[in-house]
All heavy atoms as atom14 arrays in JSON, in Angstrom:
{
  "sequence": "GVPTQNTLNLLQESGICISAGSACAKGHRSHVLSAMNIRPEIID",
  "atom14_mask": [
    [1, 1, 1, 1, 0, 0, 0, 0, 0, 0, 0, 0, 0, 0],
    [1, 1, 1, 1, 1, 1, 1, 0, 0, 0, 0, 0, 0, 0],
    [1, 1, 1, 1, 1, 1, 1, 0, 0, 0, 0, 0, 0, 0],
    [1, 1, 1, 1, 1, 1, 1, 0, 0, 0, 0, 0, 0, 0],
    [1, 1, 1, 1, 1, 1, 1, 1, 1, 0, 0, 0, 0, 0],
    [1, 1, 1, 1, 1, 1, 1, 1, 0, 0, 0, 0, 0, 0],
    [1, 1, 1, 1, 1, 1, 1, 0, 0, 0, 0, 0, 0, 0],
    [1, 1, 1, 1, 1, 1, 1, 1, 0, 0, 0, 0, 0, 0],
    [1, 1, 1, 1, 1, 1, 1, 1, 0, 0, 0, 0, 0, 0],
    [1, 1, 1, 1, 1, 1, 1, 1, 0, 0, 0, 0, 0, 0],
    [1, 1, 1, 1, 1, 1, 1, 1, 0, 0, 0, 0, 0, 0],
    [1, 1, 1, 1, 1, 1, 1, 1, 1, 0, 0, 0, 0, 0],
    [1, 1, 1, 1, 1, 1, 1, 1, 1, 0, 0, 0, 0, 0],
    [1, 1, 1, 1, 1, 1, 0, 0, 0, 0, 0, 0, 0, 0],
    [1, 1, 1, 1, 0, 0, 0, 0, 0, 0, 0, 0, 0, 0],
    [1, 1, 1, 1, 1, 1, 1, 1, 0, 0, 0, 0, 0, 0],
    [1, 1, 1, 1, 1, 1, 0, 0, 0, 0, 0, 0, 0, 0],
    [1, 1, 1, 1, 1, 1, 1, 1, 0, 0, 0, 0, 0, 0],
    [1, 1, 1, 1, 1, 1, 0, 0, 0, 0, 0, 0, 0, 0],
    [1, 1, 1, 1, 1, 0, 0, 0, 0, 0, 0, 0, 0, 0],
    [1, 1, 1, 1, 0, 0, 0, 0, 0, 0, 0, 0, 0, 0],
    [1, 1, 1, 1, 1, 1, 0, 0, 0, 0, 0, 0, 0, 0],
    [1, 1, 1, 1, 1, 0, 0, 0, 0, 0, 0, 0, 0, 0],
    [1, 1, 1, 1, 1, 1, 0, 0, 0, 0, 0, 0, 0, 0],
    [1, 1, 1, 1, 1, 0, 0, 0, 0, 0, 0, 0, 0, 0],
    [1, 1, 1, 1, 1, 1, 1, 1, 1, 0, 0, 0, 0, 0],
    [1, 1, 1, 1, 0, 0, 0, 0, 0, 0, 0, 0, 0, 0],
    [1, 1, 1, 1, 1, 1, 1, 1, 1, 1, 0, 0, 0, 0],
    [1, 1, 1, 1, 1, 1, 1, 1, 1, 1, 1, 0, 0, 0],
    [1, 1, 1, 1, 1, 1, 0, 0, 0, 0, 0, 0, 0, 0],
    [1, 1, 1, 1, 1, 1, 1, 1, 1, 1, 0, 0, 0, 0],
    [1, 1, 1, 1, 1, 1, 1, 0, 0, 0, 0, 0, 0, 0],
    [1, 1, 1, 1, 1, 1, 1, 1, 0, 0, 0, 0, 0, 0],
    [1, 1, 1, 1, 1, 1, 0, 0, 0, 0, 0, 0, 0, 0],
    [1, 1, 1, 1, 1, 0, 0, 0, 0, 0, 0, 0, 0, 0],
    [1, 1, 1, 1, 1, 1, 1, 1, 0, 0, 0, 0, 0, 0],
    [1, 1, 1, 1, 1, 1, 1, 1, 0, 0, 0, 0, 0, 0],
    [1, 1, 1, 1, 1, 1, 1, 1, 0, 0, 0, 0, 0, 0],
    [1, 1, 1, 1, 1, 1, 1, 1, 1, 1, 1, 0, 0, 0],
    [1, 1, 1, 1, 1, 1, 1, 0, 0, 0, 0, 0, 0, 0],
    [1, 1, 1, 1, 1, 1, 1, 1, 1, 0, 0, 0, 0, 0],
    [1, 1, 1, 1, 1, 1, 1, 1, 0, 0, 0, 0, 0, 0],
    [1, 1, 1, 1, 1, 1, 1, 1, 0, 0, 0, 0, 0, 0],
    [1, 1, 1, 1, 1, 1, 1, 1, 0, 0, 0, 0, 0, 0]
  ],
  "atom14_positions": [
    [[54.31, 17.3, 24.18], [53.7, 18.71, 24.29], [52.51, 18.65, 25.14], [52.02, 19.73, 25.54], [0.0, 0.0, 0.0], [0.0, 0.0, 0.0], [0.0, 0.0, 0.0], [0.0, 0.0, 0.0], [0.0, 0.0, 0.0], [0.0, 0.0, 0.0], [0.0, 0.0, 0.0], [0.0, 0.0, 0.0], [0.0, 0.0, 0.0], [0.0, 0.0, 0.0]],
    [[51.95, 17.5, 25.41], [50.72, 17.37, 26.3], [51.18, 16.82, 27.65], [51.53, 15.54, 27.59], [49.62, 16.58, 25.66], [48.47, 16.58, 26.6], [49.19, 17.14, 24.37], [0.0, 0.0, 0.0], [0.0, 0.0, 0.0], [0.0, 0.0, 0.0], [0.0, 0.0, 0.0], [0.0, 0.0, 0.0], [0.0, 0.0, 0.0], [0.0, 0.0, 0.0]],
    [[51.33, 17.49, 28.63], [51.64, 16.85, 29.99], [50.85, 15.67, 30.31], [49.55, 15.6, 30.02], [51.48, 17.99, 31.04], [51.56, 19.22, 30.19], [50.98, 18.95, 28.89], [0.0, 0.0, 0.0], [0.0, 0.0, 0.0], [0.0, 0.0, 0.0], [0.0, 0.0, 0.0], [0.0, 0.0, 0.0], [0.0, 0.0, 0.0], [0.0, 0.0, 0.0]],
    [[51.4, 14.68, 30.97], [50.74, 13.36, 31.24], [49.52, 13.57, 31.94], [48.44, 13.03, 31.71], [51.69, 12.5, 31.98], [52.82, 12.19, 31.24], [50.94, 11.21, 32.31], [0.0, 0.0, 0.0], [0.0, 0.0, 0.0], [0.0, 0.0, 0.0], [0.0, 0.0, 0.0], [0.0, 0.0, 0.0], [0.0, 0.0, 0.0], [0.0, 0.0, 0.0]],
    [[49.52, 14.48, 32.97], [48.31, 14.69, 33.73], [47.14, 15.23, 32.88], [46.03, 14.95, 33.14], [48.55, 15.68, 34.91], [47.38, 15.66, 35.86], [47.0, 14.31, 36.5], [47.98, 13.67, 37.01], [45.69, 13.92, 36.51], [0.0, 0.0, 0.0], [0.0, 0.0, 0.0], [0.0, 0.0, 0.0], [0.0, 0.0, 0.0], [0.0, 0.0, 0.0]],
    [[47.54, 16.06, 31.95], [46.48, 16.57, 31.05], [45.83, 15.55, 30.21], [44.58, 15.46, 30.07], [47.06, 17.66, 30.1], [47.51, 18.87, 30.86], [48.01, 18.85, 31.97], [47.24, 20.03, 30.3], [0.0, 0.0, 0.0], [0.0, 0.0, 0.0], [0.0, 0.0, 0.0], [0.0, 0.0, 0.0], [0.0, 0.0, 0.0], [0.0, 0.0, 0.0]],
    [[46.67, 14.61, 29.73], [46.16, 13.42, 29.0], [45.28, 12.65, 29.85], [44.05, 12.13, 29.38], [47.22, 12.51, 28.42], [48.0, 13.42, 27.49], [46.78, 11.43, 27.6], [0.0, 0.0, 0.0], [0.0, 0.0, 0.0], [0.0, 0.0, 0.0], [0.0, 0.0, 0.0], [0.0, 0.0, 0.0], [0.0, 0.0, 0.0], [0.0, 0.0, 0.0]],
    [[45.68, 12.34, 31.06], [44.85, 11.56, 31.98], [43.39, 12.23, 32.22], [42.44, 11.53, 32.21], [45.6, 11.41, 33.25], [46.4, 9.98, 33.46], [47.57, 9.99, 32.4], [46.96, 9.92, 34.76], [0.0, 0.0, 0.0], [0.0, 0.0, 0.0], [0.0, 0.0, 0.0], [0.0, 0.0, 0.0], [0.0, 0.0, 0.0], [0.0, 0.0, 0.0]],
    [[43.56, 13.51, 32.38], [42.29, 14.22, 32.64], [41.36, 14.2, 31.51], [40.14, 14.04, 31.52], [42.59, 15.74, 32.99], [43.32, 15.82, 34.31], [43.27, 14.86, 35.21], [43.8, 16.85, 34.57], [0.0, 0.0, 0.0], [0.0, 0.0, 0.0], [0.0, 0.0, 0.0], [0.0, 0.0, 0.0], [0.0, 0.0, 0.0], [0.0, 0.0, 0.0]],
    [[41.91, 14.43, 30.25], [41.17, 14.43, 29.02], [40.56, 13.1, 28.78], [39.34, 12.93, 28.49], [41.95, 14.77, 27.85], [42.44, 16.33, 27.79], [43.56, 16.56, 26.77], [41.29, 17.14, 27.44], [0.0, 0.0, 0.0], [0.0, 0.0, 0.0], [0.0, 0.0, 0.0], [0.0, 0.0, 0.0], [0.0, 0.0, 0.0], [0.0, 0.0, 0.0]],
    [[41.17, 12.0, 29.03], [40.63, 10.71, 28.82], [39.76, 10.31, 29.92], [38.75, 9.61, 29.72], [41.89, 9.63, 28.78], [42.74, 9.64, 27.41], [43.82, 8.69, 27.63], [41.99, 9.56, 26.21], [0.0, 0.0, 0.0], [0.0, 0.0, 0.0], [0.0, 0.0, 0.0], [0.0, 0.0, 0.0], [0.0, 0.0, 0.0], [0.0, 0.0, 0.0]],
    [[39.9, 10.69, 31.12], [38.95, 10.56, 32.16], [37.57, 11.09, 31.83], [36.51, 10.59, 32.24], [39.54, 11.06, 33.53], [38.59, 10.77, 34.68], [39.41, 11.1, 35.98], [40.35, 10.41, 36.39], [38.82, 12.08, 36.68], [0.0, 0.0, 0.0], [0.0, 0.0, 0.0], [0.0, 0.0, 0.0], [0.0, 0.0, 0.0], [0.0, 0.0, 0.0]],
    [[37.66, 12.34, 31.26], [36.45, 12.95, 30.91], [35.66, 12.08, 29.8], [34.47, 12.16, 29.75], [36.61, 14.28, 30.17], [37.12, 15.34, 31.1], [37.61, 16.66, 30.55], [37.42, 16.69, 29.23], [38.11, 17.53, 31.21], [0.0, 0.0, 0.0], [0.0, 0.0, 0.0], [0.0, 0.0, 0.0], [0.0, 0.0, 0.0], [0.0, 0.0, 0.0]],
    [[36.29, 11.08, 29.19], [35.65, 10.18, 28.26], [35.41, 8.85, 28.97], [34.98, 7.87, 28.36], [36.55, 9.91, 27.05], [36.59, 11.09, 26.24], [0.0, 0.0, 0.0], [0.0, 0.0, 0.0], [0.0, 0.0, 0.0], [0.0, 0.0, 0.0], [0.0, 0.0, 0.0], [0.0, 0.0, 0.0], [0.0, 0.0, 0.0], [0.0, 0.0, 0.0]],
    [[35.62, 8.73, 30.37], [35.35, 7.62, 31.07], [36.42, 6.62, 30.92], [36.25, 5.42, 31.25], [0.0, 0.0, 0.0], [0.0, 0.0, 0.0], [0.0, 0.0, 0.0], [0.0, 0.0, 0.0], [0.0, 0.0, 0.0], [0.0, 0.0, 0.0], [0.0, 0.0, 0.0], [0.0, 0.0, 0.0], [0.0, 0.0, 0.0], [0.0, 0.0, 0.0]],
    [[37.71, 6.99, 30.59], [38.74, 6.08, 30.29], [39.78, 6.14, 31.45], [40.27, 7.3, 31.82], [39.4, 6.27, 29.01], [38.5, 6.09, 27.94], [40.57, 5.33, 28.78], [38.91, 6.61, 26.44], [0.0, 0.0, 0.0], [0.0, 0.0, 0.0], [0.0, 0.0, 0.0], [0.0, 0.0, 0.0], [0.0, 0.0, 0.0], [0.0, 0.0, 0.0]],
    [[40.1, 5.12, 32.09], [41.14, 4.98, 33.08], [42.45, 4.55, 32.5], [42.54, 3.28, 32.13], [40.74, 4.17, 34.32], [39.21, 4.72, 35.04], [0.0, 0.0, 0.0], [0.0, 0.0, 0.0], [0.0, 0.0, 0.0], [0.0, 0.0, 0.0], [0.0, 0.0, 0.0], [0.0, 0.0, 0.0], [0.0, 0.0, 0.0], [0.0, 0.0, 0.0]],
    [[43.55, 5.25, 32.62], [44.82, 4.9, 32.22], [45.86, 5.25, 33.25], [45.34, 5.91, 34.23], [45.39, 5.37, 30.89], [45.36, 6.88, 31.01], [44.4, 4.85, 29.69], [46.09, 7.58, 29.76], [0.0, 0.0, 0.0], [0.0, 0.0, 0.0], [0.0, 0.0, 0.0], [0.0, 0.0, 0.0], [0.0, 0.0, 0.0], [0.0, 0.0, 0.0]],
    [[47.15, 5.07, 33.2], [48.12, 5.33, 34.17], [49.15, 6.25, 33.61], [49.5, 6.14, 32.44], [48.64, 4.06, 34.72], [49.77, 4.44, 35.52], [0.0, 0.0, 0.0], [0.0, 0.0, 0.0], [0.0, 0.0, 0.0], [0.0, 0.0, 0.0], [0.0, 0.0, 0.0], [0.0, 0.0, 0.0], [0.0, 0.0, 0.0], [0.0, 0.0, 0.0]],
    [[49.77, 7.02, 34.46], [50.99, 7.84, 34.05], [52.19, 6.96, 33.9], [53.22, 7.37, 33.38], [51.26, 8.93, 35.11], [0.0, 0.0, 0.0], [0.0, 0.0, 0.0], [0.0, 0.0, 0.0], [0.0, 0.0, 0.0], [0.0, 0.0, 0.0], [0.0, 0.0, 0.0], [0.0, 0.0, 0.0], [0.0, 0.0, 0.0], [0.0, 0.0, 0.0]],
    [[52.11, 5.73, 34.42], [53.28, 4.74, 34.44], [53.09, 3.68, 35.51], [52.06, 3.23, 35.68], [0.0, 0.0, 0.0], [0.0, 0.0, 0.0], [0.0, 0.0, 0.0], [0.0, 0.0, 0.0], [0.0, 0.0, 0.0], [0.0, 0.0, 0.0], [0.0, 0.0, 0.0], [0.0, 0.0, 0.0], [0.0, 0.0, 0.0], [0.0, 0.0, 0.0]],
    [[54.09, 3.66, 36.41], [53.9, 2.77, 37.55], [52.95, 3.53, 38.54], [53.28, 4.67, 38.91], [55.15, 2.59, 38.26], [55.07, 1.93, 39.58], [0.0, 0.0, 0.0], [0.0, 0.0, 0.0], [0.0, 0.0, 0.0], [0.0, 0.0, 0.0], [0.0, 0.0, 0.0], [0.0, 0.0, 0.0], [0.0, 0.0, 0.0], [0.0, 0.0, 0.0]],
    [[51.98, 2.78, 39.02], [51.03, 3.42, 39.83], [51.59, 3.61, 41.36], [51.13, 4.43, 42.21], [49.67, 2.49, 40.1], [0.0, 0.0, 0.0], [0.0, 0.0, 0.0], [0.0, 0.0, 0.0], [0.0, 0.0, 0.0], [0.0, 0.0, 0.0], [0.0, 0.0, 0.0], [0.0, 0.0, 0.0], [0.0, 0.0, 0.0], [0.0, 0.0, 0.0]],
    [[52.84, 3.07, 41.42], [53.54, 3.23, 42.8], [54.51, 4.3, 42.84], [55.37, 4.46, 43.71], [54.23, 1.8, 43.17], [53.15, 0.43, 43.1], [0.0, 0.0, 0.0], [0.0, 0.0, 0.0], [0.0, 0.0, 0.0], [0.0, 0.0, 0.0], [0.0, 0.0, 0.0], [0.0, 0.0, 0.0], [0.0, 0.0, 0.0], [0.0, 0.0, 0.0]],
    [[54.56, 5.16, 41.78], [55.65, 6.24, 41.7], [55.05, 7.48, 41.26], [55.33, 8.13, 40.26], [56.77, 5.76, 40.74], [0.0, 0.0, 0.0], [0.0, 0.0, 0.0], [0.0, 0.0, 0.0], [0.0, 0.0, 0.0], [0.0, 0.0, 0.0], [0.0, 0.0, 0.0], [0.0, 0.0, 0.0], [0.0, 0.0, 0.0], [0.0, 0.0, 0.0]],
    [[54.04, 7.97, 41.98], [53.29, 9.27, 41.66], [54.21, 10.43, 41.69], [54.91, 10.58, 42.53], [52.02, 9.36, 42.55], [51.01, 8.25, 42.57], [49.98, 8.46, 43.6], [48.92, 7.34, 43.51], [47.91, 7.57, 44.59], [0.0, 0.0, 0.0], [0.0, 0.0, 0.0], [0.0, 0.0, 0.0], [0.0, 0.0, 0.0], [0.0, 0.0, 0.0]],
    [[53.97, 11.27, 40.51], [54.56, 12.57, 40.66], [56.0, 12.59, 40.28], [56.69, 13.68, 40.35], [0.0, 0.0, 0.0], [0.0, 0.0, 0.0], [0.0, 0.0, 0.0], [0.0, 0.0, 0.0], [0.0, 0.0, 0.0], [0.0, 0.0, 0.0], [0.0, 0.0, 0.0], [0.0, 0.0, 0.0], [0.0, 0.0, 0.0], [0.0, 0.0, 0.0]],
    [[56.43, 11.59, 39.81], [57.99, 11.54, 39.49], [58.05, 11.27, 37.95], [57.33, 10.46, 37.4], [58.77, 10.46, 40.21], [58.63, 10.75, 41.78], [59.43, 11.66, 42.35], [57.94, 10.16, 42.71], [59.17, 11.69, 43.66], [58.2, 10.78, 43.95], [0.0, 0.0, 0.0], [0.0, 0.0, 0.0], [0.0, 0.0, 0.0], [0.0, 0.0, 0.0]],
    [[59.1, 11.84, 37.33], [59.29, 11.54, 35.85], [59.82, 10.01, 35.85], [60.64, 9.59, 36.58], [60.55, 12.43, 35.41], [60.82, 12.15, 33.89], [61.86, 13.09, 33.45], [61.29, 14.37, 33.09], [61.89, 15.53, 32.71], [63.27, 15.45, 32.78], [61.29, 16.51, 32.27], [0.0, 0.0, 0.0], [0.0, 0.0, 0.0], [0.0, 0.0, 0.0]],
    [[59.33, 9.23, 34.81], [59.57, 7.87, 34.82], [61.07, 7.58, 34.8], [61.87, 7.96, 33.89], [58.93, 7.33, 33.52], [59.47, 6.04, 33.19], [0.0, 0.0, 0.0], [0.0, 0.0, 0.0], [0.0, 0.0, 0.0], [0.0, 0.0, 0.0], [0.0, 0.0, 0.0], [0.0, 0.0, 0.0], [0.0, 0.0, 0.0], [0.0, 0.0, 0.0]],
    [[61.52, 6.85, 35.73], [62.94, 6.38, 35.79], [63.33, 5.37, 34.75], [64.33, 5.29, 34.24], [63.31, 5.79, 37.16], [62.62, 4.47, 37.5], [61.39, 4.33, 37.86], [63.17, 3.13, 37.44], [61.06, 3.12, 38.06], [62.13, 2.32, 37.82], [0.0, 0.0, 0.0], [0.0, 0.0, 0.0], [0.0, 0.0, 0.0], [0.0, 0.0, 0.0]],
    [[62.18, 4.67, 34.27], [62.37, 3.59, 33.24], [62.65, 4.27, 31.91], [63.69, 4.0, 31.1], [61.14, 2.76, 33.14], [61.21, 1.89, 31.91], [60.87, 1.91, 34.35], [0.0, 0.0, 0.0], [0.0, 0.0, 0.0], [0.0, 0.0, 0.0], [0.0, 0.0, 0.0], [0.0, 0.0, 0.0], [0.0, 0.0, 0.0], [0.0, 0.0, 0.0]],
    [[61.73, 5.21, 31.44], [62.0, 5.89, 30.22], [63.27, 6.85, 30.19], [63.95, 6.95, 29.16], [60.81, 6.78, 29.92], [59.39, 6.08, 29.67], [58.21, 7.03, 29.37], [59.5, 4.95, 28.84], [0.0, 0.0, 0.0], [0.0, 0.0, 0.0], [0.0, 0.0, 0.0], [0.0, 0.0, 0.0], [0.0, 0.0, 0.0], [0.0, 0.0, 0.0]],
    [[63.56, 7.21, 31.4], [64.8, 8.07, 31.48], [65.97, 7.27, 31.27], [66.93, 7.67, 30.62], [65.03, 8.74, 32.86], [63.89, 9.8, 33.05], [0.0, 0.0, 0.0], [0.0, 0.0, 0.0], [0.0, 0.0, 0.0], [0.0, 0.0, 0.0], [0.0, 0.0, 0.0], [0.0, 0.0, 0.0], [0.0, 0.0, 0.0], [0.0, 0.0, 0.0]],
    [[66.06, 6.04, 31.82], [67.11, 5.06, 31.6], [67.28, 4.58, 30.08], [68.31, 4.21, 29.76], [66.89, 3.88, 32.51], [0.0, 0.0, 0.0], [0.0, 0.0, 0.0], [0.0, 0.0, 0.0], [0.0, 0.0, 0.0], [0.0, 0.0, 0.0], [0.0, 0.0, 0.0], [0.0, 0.0, 0.0], [0.0, 0.0, 0.0], [0.0, 0.0, 0.0]],
    [[66.11, 4.73, 29.42], [66.25, 4.32, 28.03], [66.64, 5.48, 27.14], [66.7, 5.45, 25.93], [64.79, 3.94, 27.6], [64.34, 2.63, 28.16], [62.64, 2.36, 28.1], [62.33, 2.36, 26.28], [0.0, 0.0, 0.0], [0.0, 0.0, 0.0], [0.0, 0.0, 0.0], [0.0, 0.0, 0.0], [0.0, 0.0, 0.0], [0.0, 0.0, 0.0]],
    [[66.95, 6.61, 27.83], [67.46, 7.88, 27.08], [66.49, 8.48, 26.17], [66.76, 8.95, 25.13], [68.77, 7.57, 26.34], [70.02, 7.3, 27.37], [70.13, 7.95, 28.35], [70.86, 6.28, 27.0], [0.0, 0.0, 0.0], [0.0, 0.0, 0.0], [0.0, 0.0, 0.0], [0.0, 0.0, 0.0], [0.0, 0.0, 0.0], [0.0, 0.0, 0.0]],
    [[65.24, 8.41, 26.56], [64.18, 8.96, 25.84], [64.16, 10.43, 26.07], [64.46, 10.85, 27.18], [62.82, 8.21, 26.05], [62.83, 6.88, 25.57], [61.5, 9.12, 25.63], [61.54, 6.12, 25.78], [0.0, 0.0, 0.0], [0.0, 0.0, 0.0], [0.0, 0.0, 0.0], [0.0, 0.0, 0.0], [0.0, 0.0, 0.0], [0.0, 0.0, 0.0]],
    [[63.84, 11.22, 25.09], [63.77, 12.69, 25.32], [62.95, 13.13, 26.34], [61.76, 12.65, 26.49], [63.64, 13.39, 24.0], [64.64, 13.05, 22.87], [64.52, 14.07, 21.76], [63.17, 14.34, 21.25], [62.59, 13.66, 20.37], [63.08, 12.5, 19.8], [61.29, 13.99, 19.94], [0.0, 0.0, 0.0], [0.0, 0.0, 0.0], [0.0, 0.0, 0.0]],
    [[63.19, 14.11, 27.14], [62.47, 14.69, 28.26], [61.0, 15.06, 27.78], [60.03, 14.79, 28.48], [63.27, 15.86, 28.75], [64.62, 15.61, 28.44], [64.55, 14.89, 27.16], [0.0, 0.0, 0.0], [0.0, 0.0, 0.0], [0.0, 0.0, 0.0], [0.0, 0.0, 0.0], [0.0, 0.0, 0.0], [0.0, 0.0, 0.0], [0.0, 0.0, 0.0]],
    [[60.89, 15.67, 26.55], [59.58, 16.05, 26.06], [58.67, 14.91, 25.87], [57.47, 15.07, 26.01], [59.75, 17.06, 25.0], [60.26, 16.36, 23.64], [61.68, 16.59, 23.52], [62.38, 16.77, 24.62], [62.25, 16.55, 22.44], [0.0, 0.0, 0.0], [0.0, 0.0, 0.0], [0.0, 0.0, 0.0], [0.0, 0.0, 0.0], [0.0, 0.0, 0.0]],
    [[59.19, 13.78, 25.59], [58.57, 12.56, 25.36], [58.13, 11.9, 26.55], [57.0, 11.47, 26.89], [59.27, 11.46, 24.37], [59.47, 12.11, 23.01], [58.56, 10.16, 24.39], [60.18, 11.22, 22.05], [0.0, 0.0, 0.0], [0.0, 0.0, 0.0], [0.0, 0.0, 0.0], [0.0, 0.0, 0.0], [0.0, 0.0, 0.0], [0.0, 0.0, 0.0]],
    [[59.05, 11.86, 27.49], [58.76, 11.33, 28.81], [57.79, 12.1, 29.54], [56.66, 11.58, 30.03], [60.0, 11.34, 29.66], [61.12, 10.49, 29.13], [59.67, 10.94, 31.12], [62.39, 10.55, 29.87], [0.0, 0.0, 0.0], [0.0, 0.0, 0.0], [0.0, 0.0, 0.0], [0.0, 0.0, 0.0], [0.0, 0.0, 0.0], [0.0, 0.0, 0.0]],
    [[57.69, 13.43, 29.47], [56.71, 14.16, 30.11], [55.37, 14.07, 29.57], [54.4, 14.64, 30.23], [57.22, 15.7, 30.15], [58.46, 15.97, 31.0], [58.8, 15.07, 31.79], [59.15, 16.98, 30.75], [0.0, 0.0, 0.0], [0.0, 0.0, 0.0], [0.0, 0.0, 0.0], [0.0, 0.0, 0.0], [0.0, 0.0, 0.0], [0.0, 0.0, 0.0]]
  ]
}
């Protein structure tokens, strides 16, 4: 329910650096979590 970018922004406001997943695959839904058949709302 919270888009990944929103979480990244909220944590960055607290000075915390995390990643959406692989740093080499910006802007794409995770192919790893998709291959694991995780629900789209969880992946997003």
